[in-house]
């Protein structure tokens, strides 16, 4: 399995996201707990709200949030 490495800037940690997961959530903001995408939404607040519904005791600062690049077009790094 080829891994796509994304950097979550607010937590300053590397999170390994498999390429097929990254393409599933392309163009969306993903909420990550541990190394697992637990929710996704069009905005950061939507992704965090969905994640908090699954993990009600989790604090906002314990949920990493990243915006995944869209599938089409050129990736600017």
Protein backbone atom coordinates (compact mmCIF):
# COMPACT_ATOMS: atom_id res chain seq x y z
CA UNK A 1 0.00 0.00 0.00
CA UNK A 2 1.38 3.39 -0.98
CA UNK A 3 1.00 6.00 1.72
CA UNK A 4 0.43 9.67 1.17
CA UNK A 5 2.00 11.70 3.96
CA UNK A 6 0.10 14.79 5.01
CA UNK A 7 1.20 17.28 7.63
CA UNK A 8 -1.30 18.55 10.15
CA UNK A 9 0.04 22.04 10.89
CA UNK A 10 -1.98 22.77 14.03
CA UNK A 11 -0.62 19.69 15.84
CA UNK A 12 2.80 19.82 14.13
CA UNK A 13 2.83 16.06 13.66
CA UNK A 14 2.94 13.79 10.64
CA UNK A 15 -0.16 11.71 10.06
CA UNK A 16 -0.02 8.83 7.58
CA UNK A 17 -3.12 8.73 5.41
CA UNK A 18 -3.44 5.95 2.79
CA UNK A 19 -3.88 7.26 -0.76
CA UNK A 20 -7.35 5.71 -1.18
CA UNK A 21 -8.56 7.41 2.02
CA UNK A 22 -7.09 10.73 0.89
CA UNK A 23 -8.88 10.44 -2.45
CA UNK A 24 -12.18 9.55 -0.72
CA UNK A 25 -12.07 12.83 1.25
CA UNK A 26 -10.44 14.92 -1.51
CA UNK A 27 -11.42 18.58 -1.34
CA UNK A 28 -12.90 18.20 2.16
CA UNK A 29 -11.68 19.04 5.63
CA UNK A 30 -11.03 15.86 7.62
CA UNK A 31 -11.07 15.44 11.39
CA UNK A 32 -8.42 12.96 12.54
CA UNK A 33 -8.18 11.18 15.89
CA UNK A 34 -4.98 9.18 16.25
CA UNK A 35 -4.22 8.12 12.67
CA UNK A 36 -7.85 7.61 11.66
CA UNK A 37 -10.15 9.97 9.76
CA UNK A 38 -13.29 10.04 11.91
CA UNK A 39 -15.29 12.76 10.13
CA UNK A 40 -15.18 15.07 7.14
CA UNK A 41 -17.00 18.21 6.09
CA UNK A 42 -16.87 21.19 3.80
CA UNK A 43 -15.56 23.41 6.62
CA UNK A 44 -13.38 22.95 9.69
CA UNK A 45 -16.27 23.58 12.07
CA UNK A 46 -18.45 21.01 10.27
CA UNK A 47 -15.72 18.35 10.51
CA UNK A 48 -15.13 19.05 14.22
CA UNK A 49 -18.89 19.01 14.97
CA UNK A 50 -19.26 15.61 13.27
CA UNK A 51 -16.22 14.25 15.12
CA UNK A 52 -17.52 15.48 18.48
CA UNK A 53 -20.81 13.65 17.85
CA UNK A 54 -18.81 10.41 17.60
CA UNK A 55 -16.47 11.30 20.49
CA UNK A 56 -18.46 13.60 22.83
CA UNK A 57 -15.82 13.58 25.59
CA UNK A 58 -13.00 14.59 23.20
CA UNK A 59 -11.70 18.14 23.49
CA UNK A 60 -11.37 20.28 20.36
CA UNK A 61 -7.59 20.48 20.75
CA UNK A 62 -7.36 16.65 20.68
CA UNK A 63 -8.90 16.50 17.19
CA UNK A 64 -6.46 17.18 14.36
CA UNK A 65 -8.00 18.87 11.34
CA UNK A 66 -6.58 18.96 7.81
CA UNK A 67 -7.88 20.00 4.43
CA UNK A 68 -7.15 17.42 1.77
CA UNK A 69 -6.30 18.62 -1.74
CA UNK A 70 -8.85 18.06 -4.51
CA UNK A 71 -8.51 15.08 -6.85
CA UNK A 72 -8.20 17.09 -10.04
CA UNK A 73 -5.84 19.87 -10.93
CA UNK A 74 -2.31 20.58 -9.83
CA UNK A 75 -1.22 20.18 -6.23
CA UNK A 76 0.60 23.20 -4.89
CA UNK A 77 2.94 22.31 -2.06
